[in-house]
Amino acid sequence: MLIRLMVAEALRDAGFRVAEAGTADDALAILEKDSSVDLVLADIRMPGTIDGIDLASLLRKNHPDLKIVVASGYAPDWPSPNLADAFIGKPYDVARAVNRIKLLLACE
């Protein structure tokens, strides 16, 4: 949770509107209510009824234009590159993560 708070704060400081979700289920609920979401940053091992890999798969299927970034300290290689636009290994530098997100969203 502490990492999520730090990244969310850094993204807000960079001018992004941020909605935080503690679980994949919470993220899906946010997406149901807010169609203006441009990017989801998810950890591969997140709590909830599904993990980050399953979340990325659902998002790719149901929101094909949504940018997806996955993070993990446990998977040095993202198992399905077609499911995400970027992979960030942890521990990661928050400034580098923010820059990566800026680059992904600049392509729109």
N, C-alpha and C. Protein backbone atom coordinates (compact mmCIF):
# COMPACT_ATOMS: atom_id res chain seq x y z
N MET A 1 0.83 -1.19 0.00
CA MET A 1 0.00 0.00 0.00
C MET A 1 0.87 1.26 0.00
N LEU A 2 1.97 1.23 0.70
CA LEU A 2 2.85 2.40 0.75
C LEU A 2 3.39 2.75 -0.63
N ILE A 3 3.77 1.74 -1.40
CA ILE A 3 4.27 2.00 -2.75
C ILE A 3 3.16 2.62 -3.60
N ARG A 4 1.95 2.07 -3.49
CA ARG A 4 0.81 2.62 -4.24
C ARG A 4 0.60 4.09 -3.90
N LEU A 5 0.68 4.44 -2.63
CA LEU A 5 0.50 5.83 -2.21
C LEU A 5 1.59 6.73 -2.78
N MET A 6 2.83 6.26 -2.77
CA MET A 6 3.94 7.06 -3.30
C MET A 6 3.80 7.28 -4.81
N VAL A 7 3.46 6.22 -5.53
CA VAL A 7 3.30 6.34 -6.98
C VAL A 7 2.11 7.24 -7.31
N ALA A 8 1.01 7.06 -6.60
CA ALA A 8 -0.18 7.89 -6.84
C ALA A 8 0.14 9.36 -6.60
N GLU A 9 0.85 9.66 -5.53
CA GLU A 9 1.22 11.04 -5.23
C GLU A 9 2.13 11.61 -6.32
N ALA A 10 3.10 10.81 -6.76
CA ALA A 10 4.01 11.28 -7.81
C ALA A 10 3.27 11.52 -9.12
N LEU A 11 2.30 10.67 -9.44
CA LEU A 11 1.52 10.87 -10.66
C LEU A 11 0.63 12.12 -10.55
N ARG A 12 0.07 12.34 -9.38
CA ARG A 12 -0.73 13.56 -9.17
C ARG A 12 0.17 14.80 -9.31
N ASP A 13 1.36 14.73 -8.73
CA ASP A 13 2.31 15.84 -8.83
C ASP A 13 2.69 16.11 -10.29
N ALA A 14 2.65 15.06 -11.13
CA ALA A 14 2.98 15.19 -12.54
C ALA A 14 1.78 15.67 -13.36
N GLY A 15 0.64 15.88 -12.70
CA GLY A 15 -0.53 16.43 -13.37
C GLY A 15 -1.59 15.42 -13.78
N PHE A 16 -1.41 14.17 -13.38
CA PHE A 16 -2.39 13.15 -13.73
C PHE A 16 -3.52 13.11 -12.70
N ARG A 17 -4.70 12.73 -13.17
CA ARG A 17 -5.83 12.44 -12.28
C ARG A 17 -5.70 10.96 -11.94
N VAL A 18 -5.69 10.62 -10.67
CA VAL A 18 -5.41 9.26 -10.23
C VAL A 18 -6.56 8.73 -9.39
N ALA A 19 -6.99 7.51 -9.71
CA ALA A 19 -7.94 6.77 -8.87
C ALA A 19 -7.19 5.55 -8.36
N GLU A 20 -7.21 5.35 -7.06
CA GLU A 20 -6.48 4.22 -6.47
C GLU A 20 -7.42 3.06 -6.19
N ALA A 21 -6.92 1.87 -6.46
CA ALA A 21 -7.67 0.65 -6.19
C ALA A 21 -6.77 -0.31 -5.42
N GLY A 22 -7.26 -0.82 -4.32
CA GLY A 22 -6.48 -1.74 -3.50
C GLY A 22 -6.48 -3.17 -4.02
N THR A 23 -7.48 -3.50 -4.85
CA THR A 23 -7.60 -4.85 -5.40
C THR A 23 -7.97 -4.76 -6.88
N ALA A 24 -7.82 -5.86 -7.56
CA ALA A 24 -8.24 -5.91 -8.97
C ALA A 24 -9.74 -5.68 -9.07
N ASP A 25 -10.49 -6.21 -8.10
CA ASP A 25 -11.94 -6.01 -8.10
C ASP A 25 -12.30 -4.53 -7.99
N ASP A 26 -11.57 -3.82 -7.15
CA ASP A 26 -11.79 -2.37 -7.01
C ASP A 26 -11.47 -1.65 -8.31
N ALA A 27 -10.42 -2.07 -8.98
CA ALA A 27 -10.04 -1.46 -10.25
C ALA A 27 -11.14 -1.66 -11.29
N LEU A 28 -11.69 -2.85 -11.35
CA LEU A 28 -12.77 -3.12 -12.31
C LEU A 28 -13.99 -2.28 -11.99
N ALA A 29 -14.29 -2.10 -10.72
CA ALA A 29 -15.44 -1.27 -10.32
C ALA A 29 -15.21 0.18 -10.74
N ILE A 30 -14.01 0.68 -10.59
CA ILE A 30 -13.70 2.05 -11.00
C ILE A 30 -13.89 2.19 -12.51
N LEU A 31 -13.42 1.22 -13.27
CA LEU A 31 -13.55 1.28 -14.72
C LEU A 31 -15.00 1.21 -15.18
N GLU A 32 -15.84 0.51 -14.44
CA GLU A 32 -17.27 0.46 -14.77
C GLU A 32 -17.90 1.83 -14.64
N LYS A 33 -17.45 2.61 -13.66
CA LYS A 33 -18.05 3.91 -13.38
C LYS A 33 -17.40 5.05 -14.14
N ASP A 34 -16.14 4.88 -14.56
CA ASP A 34 -15.39 5.99 -15.14
C ASP A 34 -14.75 5.56 -16.46
N SER A 35 -15.36 5.96 -17.56
CA SER A 35 -14.85 5.58 -18.87
C SER A 35 -13.71 6.47 -19.34
N SER A 36 -13.33 7.45 -18.53
CA SER A 36 -12.25 8.36 -18.93
C SER A 36 -10.87 7.85 -18.53
N VAL A 37 -10.79 6.68 -17.93
CA VAL A 37 -9.50 6.12 -17.51
C VAL A 37 -8.68 5.79 -18.74
N ASP A 38 -7.44 6.26 -18.77
CA ASP A 38 -6.55 6.04 -19.92
C ASP A 38 -5.53 4.94 -19.69
N LEU A 39 -5.19 4.68 -18.41
CA LEU A 39 -4.11 3.75 -18.10
C LEU A 39 -4.36 3.09 -16.76
N VAL A 40 -4.02 1.82 -16.66
CA VAL A 40 -4.08 1.09 -15.40
C VAL A 40 -2.68 0.58 -15.09
N LEU A 41 -2.22 0.85 -13.87
CA LEU A 41 -0.96 0.32 -13.36
C LEU A 41 -1.33 -0.72 -12.31
N ALA A 42 -0.97 -1.97 -12.57
CA ALA A 42 -1.36 -3.06 -11.67
C ALA A 42 -0.14 -3.90 -11.31
N ASP A 43 -0.14 -4.40 -10.10
CA ASP A 43 0.88 -5.34 -9.67
C ASP A 43 0.44 -6.73 -10.07
N ILE A 44 1.37 -7.56 -10.48
CA ILE A 44 1.01 -8.93 -10.85
C ILE A 44 0.40 -9.66 -9.67
N ARG A 45 0.97 -9.47 -8.49
CA ARG A 45 0.45 -10.15 -7.29
C ARG A 45 -0.37 -9.17 -6.46
N MET A 46 -1.58 -8.89 -6.92
CA MET A 46 -2.44 -7.99 -6.17
C MET A 46 -3.56 -8.79 -5.52
N PRO A 47 -4.07 -8.28 -4.40
CA PRO A 47 -5.13 -9.01 -3.71
C PRO A 47 -6.45 -8.92 -4.46
N GLY A 48 -7.37 -9.78 -4.07
CA GLY A 48 -8.70 -9.78 -4.69
C GLY A 48 -9.00 -11.15 -5.27
N THR A 49 -10.10 -11.24 -5.97
CA THR A 49 -10.50 -12.53 -6.53
C THR A 49 -9.69 -12.88 -7.77
N ILE A 50 -9.03 -11.88 -8.37
CA ILE A 50 -8.14 -12.14 -9.50
C ILE A 50 -6.83 -11.41 -9.27
N ASP A 51 -5.77 -11.88 -9.91
CA ASP A 51 -4.47 -11.22 -9.76
C ASP A 51 -4.24 -10.24 -10.92
N GLY A 52 -3.08 -9.64 -10.96
CA GLY A 52 -2.78 -8.65 -11.97
C GLY A 52 -2.72 -9.20 -13.38
N ILE A 53 -2.32 -10.45 -13.53
CA ILE A 53 -2.29 -11.07 -14.86
C ILE A 53 -3.71 -11.23 -15.38
N ASP A 54 -4.59 -11.75 -14.53
CA ASP A 54 -5.99 -11.90 -14.94
C ASP A 54 -6.64 -10.55 -15.19
N LEU A 55 -6.28 -9.56 -14.36
CA LEU A 55 -6.82 -8.22 -14.57
C LEU A 55 -6.38 -7.68 -15.92
N ALA A 56 -5.10 -7.80 -16.25
CA ALA A 56 -4.60 -7.32 -17.54
C ALA A 56 -5.31 -8.02 -18.69
N SER A 57 -5.54 -9.31 -18.54
CA SER A 57 -6.24 -10.07 -19.58
C SER A 57 -7.66 -9.57 -19.78
N LEU A 58 -8.37 -9.34 -18.70
CA LEU A 58 -9.74 -8.81 -18.78
C LEU A 58 -9.76 -7.41 -19.38
N LEU A 59 -8.82 -6.59 -18.96
CA LEU A 59 -8.77 -5.23 -19.47
C LEU A 59 -8.45 -5.21 -20.96
N ARG A 60 -7.52 -6.04 -21.39
CA ARG A 60 -7.15 -6.09 -22.81
C ARG A 60 -8.36 -6.51 -23.65
N LYS A 61 -9.13 -7.46 -23.11
CA LYS A 61 -10.30 -7.98 -23.84
C LYS A 61 -11.44 -6.95 -23.86
N ASN A 62 -11.72 -6.34 -22.72
CA ASN A 62 -12.89 -5.48 -22.59
C ASN A 62 -12.62 -4.00 -22.82
N HIS A 63 -11.36 -3.60 -22.75
CA HIS A 63 -10.97 -2.19 -22.94
C HIS A 63 -9.70 -2.16 -23.80
N PRO A 64 -9.80 -2.54 -25.07
CA PRO A 64 -8.60 -2.71 -25.89
C PRO A 64 -7.76 -1.44 -26.09
N ASP A 65 -8.36 -0.28 -25.91
CA ASP A 65 -7.60 0.97 -26.08
C ASP A 65 -6.93 1.45 -24.81
N LEU A 66 -7.23 0.81 -23.70
CA LEU A 66 -6.67 1.18 -22.41
C LEU A 66 -5.20 0.79 -22.34
N LYS A 67 -4.36 1.69 -21.88
CA LYS A 67 -2.95 1.37 -21.66
C LYS A 67 -2.83 0.59 -20.36
N ILE A 68 -2.02 -0.45 -20.38
CA ILE A 68 -1.86 -1.31 -19.21
C ILE A 68 -0.37 -1.42 -18.89
N VAL A 69 -0.04 -1.12 -17.63
CA VAL A 69 1.32 -1.25 -17.13
C VAL A 69 1.25 -2.22 -15.95
N VAL A 70 2.10 -3.23 -15.97
CA VAL A 70 2.16 -4.16 -14.85
C VAL A 70 3.50 -4.02 -14.15
N ALA A 71 3.46 -4.24 -12.86
CA ALA A 71 4.67 -4.15 -12.04
C ALA A 71 4.78 -5.41 -11.19
N SER A 72 6.01 -5.81 -10.94
CA SER A 72 6.23 -6.95 -10.06
C SER A 72 7.68 -7.04 -9.65
N GLY A 73 7.88 -7.50 -8.45
CA GLY A 73 9.22 -7.80 -7.97
C GLY A 73 9.50 -9.29 -8.08
N TYR A 74 8.50 -10.04 -8.52
CA TYR A 74 8.61 -11.49 -8.57
C TYR A 74 8.77 -12.05 -9.97
N ALA A 75 8.45 -11.28 -10.99
CA ALA A 75 8.50 -11.80 -12.36
C ALA A 75 9.47 -10.97 -13.19
N PRO A 76 10.68 -11.44 -13.38
CA PRO A 76 11.64 -10.66 -14.16
C PRO A 76 11.23 -10.52 -15.62
N ASP A 77 10.43 -11.46 -16.11
CA ASP A 77 9.94 -11.39 -17.47
C ASP A 77 8.42 -11.45 -17.45
N TRP A 78 7.79 -10.45 -18.03
CA TRP A 78 6.34 -10.43 -18.12
C TRP A 78 5.91 -11.60 -19.00
N PRO A 79 5.06 -12.48 -18.49
CA PRO A 79 4.75 -13.72 -19.20
C PRO A 79 3.97 -13.53 -20.50
N SER A 80 3.25 -12.45 -20.64
CA SER A 80 2.43 -12.24 -21.83
C SER A 80 2.55 -10.81 -22.31
N PRO A 81 3.57 -10.50 -23.10
CA PRO A 81 3.79 -9.12 -23.52
C PRO A 81 2.61 -8.50 -24.24
N ASN A 82 1.77 -9.31 -24.89
CA ASN A 82 0.62 -8.76 -25.59
C ASN A 82 -0.48 -8.28 -24.65
N LEU A 83 -0.39 -8.61 -23.38
CA LEU A 83 -1.40 -8.19 -22.42
C LEU A 83 -1.11 -6.82 -21.80
N ALA A 84 0.12 -6.36 -21.91
CA ALA A 84 0.47 -5.09 -21.29
C ALA A 84 1.30 -4.25 -22.24
N ASP A 85 1.21 -2.95 -22.04
CA ASP A 85 1.99 -2.01 -22.85
C ASP A 85 3.38 -1.79 -22.26
N ALA A 86 3.53 -2.10 -20.97
CA ALA A 86 4.83 -1.93 -20.31
C ALA A 86 4.88 -2.80 -19.06
N PHE A 87 6.10 -3.18 -18.71
CA PHE A 87 6.37 -3.91 -17.48
C PHE A 87 7.38 -3.10 -16.68
N ILE A 88 7.11 -2.94 -15.39
CA ILE A 88 8.04 -2.25 -14.51
C ILE A 88 8.43 -3.22 -13.40
N GLY A 89 9.72 -3.54 -13.32
CA GLY A 89 10.21 -4.41 -12.26
C GLY A 89 10.34 -3.64 -10.96
N LYS A 90 10.12 -4.34 -9.86
CA LYS A 90 10.25 -3.71 -8.55
C LYS A 90 11.45 -4.33 -7.83
N PRO A 91 12.07 -3.60 -6.96
CA PRO A 91 11.69 -2.23 -6.60
C PRO A 91 12.00 -1.28 -7.76
N TYR A 92 11.13 -0.31 -7.93
CA TYR A 92 11.36 0.61 -9.02
C TYR A 92 11.47 2.04 -8.52
N ASP A 93 12.14 2.80 -9.33
CA ASP A 93 12.30 4.21 -9.07
C ASP A 93 11.00 4.90 -9.46
N VAL A 94 10.37 5.58 -8.53
CA VAL A 94 9.07 6.21 -8.78
C VAL A 94 9.16 7.20 -9.93
N ALA A 95 10.22 7.98 -9.99
CA ALA A 95 10.37 8.96 -11.07
C ALA A 95 10.44 8.27 -12.43
N ARG A 96 11.13 7.15 -12.50
CA ARG A 96 11.20 6.40 -13.77
C ARG A 96 9.85 5.82 -14.14
N ALA A 97 9.09 5.35 -13.15
CA ALA A 97 7.75 4.82 -13.42
C ALA A 97 6.85 5.92 -13.96
N VAL A 98 6.91 7.11 -13.36
CA VAL A 98 6.11 8.24 -13.82
C VAL A 98 6.51 8.61 -15.24
N ASN A 99 7.80 8.65 -15.53
CA ASN A 99 8.25 8.97 -16.88
C ASN A 99 7.78 7.94 -17.89
N ARG A 100 7.79 6.68 -17.52
CA ARG A 100 7.32 5.62 -18.41
C ARG A 100 5.84 5.81 -18.73
N ILE A 101 5.06 6.16 -17.72
CA ILE A 101 3.63 6.41 -17.91
C ILE A 101 3.41 7.63 -18.78
N LYS A 102 4.18 8.67 -18.57
CA LYS A 102 4.09 9.86 -19.41
C LYS A 102 4.33 9.52 -20.87
N LEU A 103 5.34 8.69 -21.13
CA LEU A 103 5.65 8.30 -22.50
C LEU A 103 4.51 7.49 -23.12
N LEU A 104 3.95 6.58 -22.37
CA LEU A 104 2.84 5.77 -22.88
C LEU A 104 1.64 6.62 -23.24
N LEU A 105 1.34 7.60 -22.40
CA LEU A 105 0.15 8.42 -22.63
C LEU A 105 0.40 9.51 -23.66
N ALA A 106 1.64 9.82 -23.94
CA ALA A 106 1.95 10.83 -24.96
C ALA A 106 1.65 10.33 -26.36
N CYS A 107 1.52 9.03 -26.52
CA CYS A 107 1.27 8.44 -27.83
C CYS A 107 -0.18 8.58 -28.26
N GLU A 108 -1.04 9.05 -27.39
CA GLU A 108 -2.48 9.15 -27.73
C GLU A 108 -2.76 10.34 -28.59
